[in-house]
Amino acid sequence: MSTERLDELVIPQEPVDPERLSRILSPYLRLSSDGQFRYQTSFADLSPPEKVLVVLLGELAQSSLGLSTDDRLNPVEIARKAELELGAAYPSLRSLEQDGVVTNEAGQYRVDPSEFERVVKRINS
């Protein structure tokens, strides 16, 4: 099989629309000029998995803005940023990974950009 034929198997990764990302995050999270998360009051109303998704989308926004070099976080960083105990963060991450909306690469988690629509539905449900 030629390489050309193998290339047909690759699903092109569409970039996440920055305007849409901003609309999704703005009720829950703002970024300071130095990239720190500033939570809105509605963040407290989210379930642990939704908080994890907002944090990971926030990392994606930071990376898109050049405020960080990577959009991946380990579970301890996620728990700290999401203001969750590790005992709540781990099951949330496992569930989100099993649902296919986050990926785990060597213990570093990120939102799967190809599953952006499903992530939005999880937060807005």
N, C-alpha and C. Protein backbone atom coordinates (compact mmCIF):
# COMPACT_ATOMS: atom_id res chain seq x y z
N MET A 1 0.85 -1.18 0.00
CA MET A 1 0.00 0.00 0.00
C MET A 1 0.90 1.23 0.00
N SER A 2 0.61 2.15 -0.87
CA SER A 2 1.44 3.35 -0.97
C SER A 2 1.11 4.32 0.16
N THR A 3 2.06 5.22 0.40
CA THR A 3 1.87 6.24 1.43
C THR A 3 0.68 7.12 1.10
N GLU A 4 0.47 7.39 -0.19
CA GLU A 4 -0.68 8.20 -0.60
C GLU A 4 -1.98 7.59 -0.11
N ARG A 5 -2.11 6.31 -0.25
CA ARG A 5 -3.34 5.62 0.18
C ARG A 5 -3.48 5.68 1.70
N LEU A 6 -2.37 5.58 2.40
CA LEU A 6 -2.42 5.68 3.86
C LEU A 6 -2.84 7.08 4.30
N ASP A 7 -2.42 8.09 3.56
CA ASP A 7 -2.79 9.46 3.89
C ASP A 7 -4.30 9.67 3.87
N GLU A 8 -5.00 8.86 3.09
CA GLU A 8 -6.45 8.96 3.02
C GLU A 8 -7.12 8.58 4.34
N LEU A 9 -6.41 7.84 5.17
CA LEU A 9 -6.95 7.42 6.46
C LEU A 9 -6.91 8.52 7.51
N VAL A 10 -6.05 9.50 7.31
CA VAL A 10 -5.85 10.55 8.30
C VAL A 10 -7.01 11.53 8.26
N ILE A 11 -7.62 11.74 9.42
CA ILE A 11 -8.69 12.73 9.55
C ILE A 11 -8.02 14.07 9.82
N PRO A 12 -8.25 15.06 8.95
CA PRO A 12 -7.63 16.35 9.20
C PRO A 12 -8.18 16.98 10.48
N GLN A 13 -7.28 17.52 11.29
CA GLN A 13 -7.70 18.15 12.54
C GLN A 13 -8.05 19.60 12.28
N GLU A 14 -9.31 19.92 12.50
CA GLU A 14 -9.78 21.29 12.32
C GLU A 14 -9.42 22.09 13.56
N PRO A 15 -8.92 23.30 13.38
CA PRO A 15 -8.65 24.12 14.56
C PRO A 15 -9.96 24.54 15.22
N VAL A 16 -9.92 24.72 16.53
CA VAL A 16 -11.10 25.16 17.27
C VAL A 16 -11.31 26.64 16.98
N ASP A 17 -12.55 27.02 16.70
CA ASP A 17 -12.90 28.40 16.41
C ASP A 17 -12.70 29.25 17.67
N PRO A 18 -11.77 30.21 17.66
CA PRO A 18 -11.48 31.00 18.86
C PRO A 18 -12.69 31.78 19.38
N GLU A 19 -13.52 32.27 18.47
CA GLU A 19 -14.70 33.02 18.90
C GLU A 19 -15.68 32.11 19.65
N ARG A 20 -15.85 30.93 19.13
CA ARG A 20 -16.75 29.96 19.79
C ARG A 20 -16.17 29.53 21.13
N LEU A 21 -14.88 29.31 21.18
CA LEU A 21 -14.23 28.93 22.43
C LEU A 21 -14.44 30.03 23.48
N SER A 22 -14.31 31.27 23.07
CA SER A 22 -14.52 32.40 23.97
C SER A 22 -15.96 32.43 24.49
N ARG A 23 -16.92 32.21 23.61
CA ARG A 23 -18.34 32.21 24.03
C ARG A 23 -18.63 31.09 25.03
N ILE A 24 -18.02 29.95 24.83
CA ILE A 24 -18.26 28.81 25.72
C ILE A 24 -17.64 29.06 27.09
N LEU A 25 -16.44 29.62 27.10
CA LEU A 25 -15.72 29.81 28.36
C LEU A 25 -16.18 31.03 29.15
N SER A 26 -16.60 32.08 28.48
CA SER A 26 -16.84 33.36 29.17
C SER A 26 -17.82 33.31 30.33
N PRO A 27 -18.84 32.45 30.35
CA PRO A 27 -19.69 32.42 31.55
C PRO A 27 -18.98 31.83 32.78
N TYR A 28 -17.89 31.10 32.56
CA TYR A 28 -17.24 30.37 33.64
C TYR A 28 -15.83 30.84 33.97
N LEU A 29 -15.15 31.41 32.99
CA LEU A 29 -13.71 31.63 33.13
C LEU A 29 -13.27 32.82 32.30
N ARG A 30 -12.39 33.61 32.88
CA ARG A 30 -11.70 34.68 32.16
C ARG A 30 -10.21 34.46 32.39
N LEU A 31 -9.41 35.01 31.50
CA LEU A 31 -7.95 34.90 31.62
C LEU A 31 -7.38 36.27 31.90
N SER A 32 -6.50 36.36 32.91
CA SER A 32 -5.81 37.62 33.16
C SER A 32 -4.73 37.79 32.09
N SER A 33 -4.15 38.97 32.02
CA SER A 33 -3.14 39.25 30.99
C SER A 33 -1.92 38.34 31.11
N ASP A 34 -1.68 37.81 32.32
CA ASP A 34 -0.55 36.89 32.49
C ASP A 34 -0.98 35.43 32.40
N GLY A 35 -2.24 35.19 31.98
CA GLY A 35 -2.71 33.83 31.74
C GLY A 35 -3.34 33.13 32.93
N GLN A 36 -3.47 33.81 34.05
CA GLN A 36 -4.10 33.19 35.22
C GLN A 36 -5.60 33.06 35.01
N PHE A 37 -6.18 31.97 35.50
CA PHE A 37 -7.62 31.76 35.41
C PHE A 37 -8.32 32.62 36.44
N ARG A 38 -9.39 33.26 36.03
CA ARG A 38 -10.25 34.04 36.92
C ARG A 38 -11.66 33.47 36.74
N TYR A 39 -12.12 32.73 37.74
CA TYR A 39 -13.40 32.06 37.62
C TYR A 39 -14.56 33.02 37.86
N GLN A 40 -15.61 32.84 37.06
CA GLN A 40 -16.85 33.57 37.25
C GLN A 40 -17.69 32.79 38.27
N THR A 41 -18.69 33.42 38.85
CA THR A 41 -19.48 32.76 39.90
C THR A 41 -20.16 31.48 39.39
N SER A 42 -20.53 31.43 38.13
CA SER A 42 -21.22 30.25 37.60
C SER A 42 -20.31 29.01 37.54
N PHE A 43 -19.00 29.20 37.64
CA PHE A 43 -18.08 28.05 37.64
C PHE A 43 -18.39 27.12 38.81
N ALA A 44 -18.77 27.69 39.95
CA ALA A 44 -19.06 26.90 41.15
C ALA A 44 -20.25 25.98 40.96
N ASP A 45 -21.14 26.30 40.02
CA ASP A 45 -22.34 25.49 39.79
C ASP A 45 -22.08 24.27 38.90
N LEU A 46 -20.89 24.17 38.32
CA LEU A 46 -20.57 23.07 37.42
C LEU A 46 -20.27 21.79 38.20
N SER A 47 -20.54 20.66 37.59
CA SER A 47 -20.16 19.36 38.17
C SER A 47 -18.65 19.19 38.03
N PRO A 48 -18.03 18.27 38.79
CA PRO A 48 -16.59 18.06 38.63
C PRO A 48 -16.15 17.77 37.19
N PRO A 49 -16.83 16.89 36.43
CA PRO A 49 -16.38 16.69 35.05
C PRO A 49 -16.49 17.96 34.20
N GLU A 50 -17.52 18.76 34.43
CA GLU A 50 -17.67 20.01 33.68
C GLU A 50 -16.55 20.99 34.05
N LYS A 51 -16.18 21.04 35.33
CA LYS A 51 -15.07 21.90 35.75
C LYS A 51 -13.77 21.48 35.07
N VAL A 52 -13.55 20.17 35.00
CA VAL A 52 -12.35 19.65 34.32
C VAL A 52 -12.35 20.09 32.86
N LEU A 53 -13.48 19.98 32.19
CA LEU A 53 -13.56 20.38 30.78
C LEU A 53 -13.31 21.88 30.62
N VAL A 54 -13.86 22.70 31.51
CA VAL A 54 -13.64 24.15 31.42
C VAL A 54 -12.15 24.46 31.61
N VAL A 55 -11.52 23.79 32.56
CA VAL A 55 -10.08 24.01 32.78
C VAL A 55 -9.28 23.61 31.54
N LEU A 56 -9.59 22.46 30.97
CA LEU A 56 -8.86 22.02 29.78
C LEU A 56 -9.13 22.92 28.58
N LEU A 57 -10.36 23.42 28.45
CA LEU A 57 -10.64 24.40 27.40
C LEU A 57 -9.90 25.71 27.67
N GLY A 58 -9.79 26.07 28.94
CA GLY A 58 -9.01 27.26 29.31
C GLY A 58 -7.55 27.11 28.92
N GLU A 59 -7.02 25.92 29.10
CA GLU A 59 -5.63 25.66 28.68
C GLU A 59 -5.51 25.77 27.16
N LEU A 60 -6.51 25.27 26.45
CA LEU A 60 -6.51 25.38 25.00
C LEU A 60 -6.54 26.85 24.59
N ALA A 61 -7.34 27.65 25.27
CA ALA A 61 -7.40 29.09 24.98
C ALA A 61 -6.06 29.76 25.27
N GLN A 62 -5.45 29.44 26.41
CA GLN A 62 -4.14 30.00 26.73
C GLN A 62 -3.12 29.66 25.66
N SER A 63 -3.10 28.42 25.25
CA SER A 63 -2.16 27.98 24.22
C SER A 63 -2.41 28.72 22.91
N SER A 64 -3.68 28.87 22.55
CA SER A 64 -4.03 29.58 21.31
C SER A 64 -3.60 31.04 21.35
N LEU A 65 -3.63 31.63 22.54
CA LEU A 65 -3.24 33.04 22.71
C LEU A 65 -1.74 33.22 22.89
N GLY A 66 -1.00 32.12 22.98
CA GLY A 66 0.44 32.20 23.20
C GLY A 66 0.80 32.47 24.65
N LEU A 67 -0.15 32.26 25.58
CA LEU A 67 0.11 32.48 27.00
C LEU A 67 0.69 31.24 27.67
N SER A 68 0.65 30.11 26.97
CA SER A 68 1.30 28.89 27.45
C SER A 68 1.80 28.13 26.22
N THR A 69 2.70 27.21 26.47
CA THR A 69 3.29 26.48 25.35
C THR A 69 2.59 25.16 25.07
N ASP A 70 1.69 24.75 25.96
CA ASP A 70 1.05 23.45 25.81
C ASP A 70 -0.36 23.51 26.35
N ASP A 71 -1.25 22.69 25.82
CA ASP A 71 -2.63 22.64 26.31
C ASP A 71 -2.90 21.36 27.10
N ARG A 72 -1.83 20.72 27.57
CA ARG A 72 -1.96 19.48 28.33
C ARG A 72 -1.64 19.74 29.80
N LEU A 73 -2.36 19.03 30.67
CA LEU A 73 -2.13 19.13 32.11
C LEU A 73 -2.15 17.74 32.73
N ASN A 74 -1.41 17.57 33.83
CA ASN A 74 -1.49 16.31 34.57
C ASN A 74 -2.64 16.41 35.58
N PRO A 75 -3.06 15.29 36.17
CA PRO A 75 -4.21 15.31 37.08
C PRO A 75 -4.06 16.25 38.27
N VAL A 76 -2.86 16.37 38.82
CA VAL A 76 -2.65 17.27 39.97
C VAL A 76 -2.88 18.72 39.54
N GLU A 77 -2.35 19.10 38.38
CA GLU A 77 -2.56 20.46 37.88
C GLU A 77 -4.04 20.72 37.59
N ILE A 78 -4.70 19.73 37.02
CA ILE A 78 -6.13 19.87 36.72
C ILE A 78 -6.93 20.05 38.01
N ALA A 79 -6.66 19.22 39.00
CA ALA A 79 -7.37 19.32 40.28
C ALA A 79 -7.15 20.69 40.91
N ARG A 80 -5.91 21.17 40.90
CA ARG A 80 -5.61 22.48 41.48
C ARG A 80 -6.35 23.58 40.75
N LYS A 81 -6.25 23.58 39.42
CA LYS A 81 -6.88 24.64 38.64
C LYS A 81 -8.41 24.56 38.69
N ALA A 82 -8.96 23.36 38.78
CA ALA A 82 -10.42 23.19 38.81
C ALA A 82 -10.98 23.33 40.23
N GLU A 83 -10.08 23.54 41.20
CA GLU A 83 -10.47 23.67 42.60
C GLU A 83 -11.21 22.42 43.07
N LEU A 84 -10.65 21.26 42.70
CA LEU A 84 -11.21 19.97 43.07
C LEU A 84 -10.20 19.17 43.88
N GLU A 85 -10.70 18.28 44.71
CA GLU A 85 -9.84 17.31 45.37
C GLU A 85 -9.42 16.29 44.31
N LEU A 86 -8.25 15.69 44.49
CA LEU A 86 -7.81 14.65 43.55
C LEU A 86 -8.82 13.52 43.46
N GLY A 87 -9.49 13.22 44.58
CA GLY A 87 -10.49 12.17 44.61
C GLY A 87 -11.69 12.45 43.72
N ALA A 88 -11.91 13.70 43.36
CA ALA A 88 -12.98 14.07 42.42
C ALA A 88 -12.42 14.23 41.01
N ALA A 89 -11.18 14.66 40.90
CA ALA A 89 -10.58 14.90 39.59
C ALA A 89 -10.31 13.59 38.84
N TYR A 90 -9.74 12.60 39.54
CA TYR A 90 -9.40 11.34 38.87
C TYR A 90 -10.61 10.64 38.24
N PRO A 91 -11.71 10.44 38.98
CA PRO A 91 -12.86 9.78 38.34
C PRO A 91 -13.43 10.60 37.19
N SER A 92 -13.38 11.92 37.32
CA SER A 92 -13.87 12.78 36.23
C SER A 92 -13.02 12.59 34.99
N LEU A 93 -11.71 12.57 35.16
CA LEU A 93 -10.80 12.38 34.02
C LEU A 93 -11.00 11.02 33.37
N ARG A 94 -11.13 9.99 34.20
CA ARG A 94 -11.35 8.64 33.65
C ARG A 94 -12.64 8.58 32.84
N SER A 95 -13.69 9.16 33.39
CA SER A 95 -14.99 9.17 32.70
C SER A 95 -14.91 9.94 31.39
N LEU A 96 -14.29 11.10 31.41
CA LEU A 96 -14.16 11.92 30.20
C LEU A 96 -13.28 11.23 29.16
N GLU A 97 -12.25 10.53 29.63
CA GLU A 97 -11.39 9.80 28.70
C GLU A 97 -12.16 8.62 28.08
N GLN A 98 -12.91 7.91 28.90
CA GLN A 98 -13.71 6.79 28.38
C GLN A 98 -14.76 7.27 27.39
N ASP A 99 -15.30 8.46 27.62
CA ASP A 99 -16.28 9.05 26.69
C ASP A 99 -15.63 9.58 25.42
N GLY A 100 -14.30 9.66 25.42
CA GLY A 100 -13.57 10.10 24.23
C GLY A 100 -13.49 11.59 24.03
N VAL A 101 -13.81 12.38 25.06
CA VAL A 101 -13.74 13.84 24.89
C VAL A 101 -12.42 14.44 25.37
N VAL A 102 -11.67 13.67 26.16
CA VAL A 102 -10.31 14.08 26.50
C VAL A 102 -9.37 12.94 26.15
N THR A 103 -8.13 13.29 25.89
CA THR A 103 -7.12 12.28 25.60
C THR A 103 -6.06 12.32 26.69
N ASN A 104 -5.46 11.18 26.93
CA ASN A 104 -4.40 11.02 27.92
C ASN A 104 -3.15 10.58 27.17
N GLU A 105 -2.16 11.43 27.19
CA GLU A 105 -0.88 11.12 26.54
C GLU A 105 0.20 11.15 27.60
N ALA A 106 0.59 9.97 28.06
CA ALA A 106 1.63 9.83 29.08
C ALA A 106 1.29 10.61 30.34
N GLY A 107 0.02 10.51 30.78
CA GLY A 107 -0.39 11.17 32.01
C GLY A 107 -0.72 12.64 31.86
N GLN A 108 -0.70 13.14 30.65
CA GLN A 108 -1.04 14.54 30.36
C GLN A 108 -2.37 14.55 29.60
N TYR A 109 -3.33 15.29 30.14
CA TYR A 109 -4.68 15.30 29.56
C TYR A 109 -4.93 16.58 28.78
N ARG A 110 -5.75 16.43 27.74
CA ARG A 110 -6.16 17.58 26.94
C ARG A 110 -7.50 17.28 26.30
N VAL A 111 -8.21 18.34 25.92
CA VAL A 111 -9.45 18.18 25.17
C VAL A 111 -9.08 17.70 23.77
N ASP A 112 -9.81 16.72 23.28
CA ASP A 112 -9.61 16.25 21.91
C ASP A 112 -10.32 17.24 20.99
N PRO A 113 -9.57 18.04 20.21
CA PRO A 113 -10.21 19.05 19.35
C PRO A 113 -11.24 18.47 18.39
N SER A 114 -11.06 17.22 17.98
CA SER A 114 -12.03 16.62 17.06
C SER A 114 -13.36 16.32 17.76
N GLU A 115 -13.37 16.37 19.07
CA GLU A 115 -14.59 16.12 19.85
C GLU A 115 -15.14 17.40 20.48
N PHE A 116 -14.77 18.54 19.91
CA PHE A 116 -15.14 19.84 20.48
C PHE A 116 -16.66 19.97 20.66
N GLU A 117 -17.43 19.53 19.69
CA GLU A 117 -18.90 19.65 19.78
C GLU A 117 -19.44 18.85 20.96
N ARG A 118 -18.89 17.68 21.18
CA ARG A 118 -19.33 16.86 22.32
C ARG A 118 -18.93 17.49 23.64
N VAL A 119 -17.77 18.15 23.68
CA VAL A 119 -17.33 18.85 24.88
C VAL A 119 -18.32 19.97 25.20
N VAL A 120 -18.69 20.73 24.19
CA VAL A 120 -19.63 21.83 24.36
C VAL A 120 -20.96 21.31 24.92
N LYS A 121 -21.44 20.21 24.37
CA LYS A 121 -22.70 19.62 24.85
C LYS A 121 -22.59 19.18 26.30
N ARG A 122 -21.44 18.64 26.69
CA ARG A 122 -21.25 18.20 28.08
C ARG A 122 -21.31 19.38 29.04
N ILE A 123 -20.74 20.51 28.64
CA ILE A 123 -20.73 21.69 29.51
C ILE A 123 -22.10 22.35 29.54
N ASN A 124 -22.77 22.39 28.42
CA ASN A 124 -24.06 23.09 28.31
C ASN A 124 -25.26 22.22 28.63
N SER A 125 -25.05 21.00 29.09
CA SER A 125 -26.20 20.11 29.34
C SER A 125 -26.88 20.44 30.66
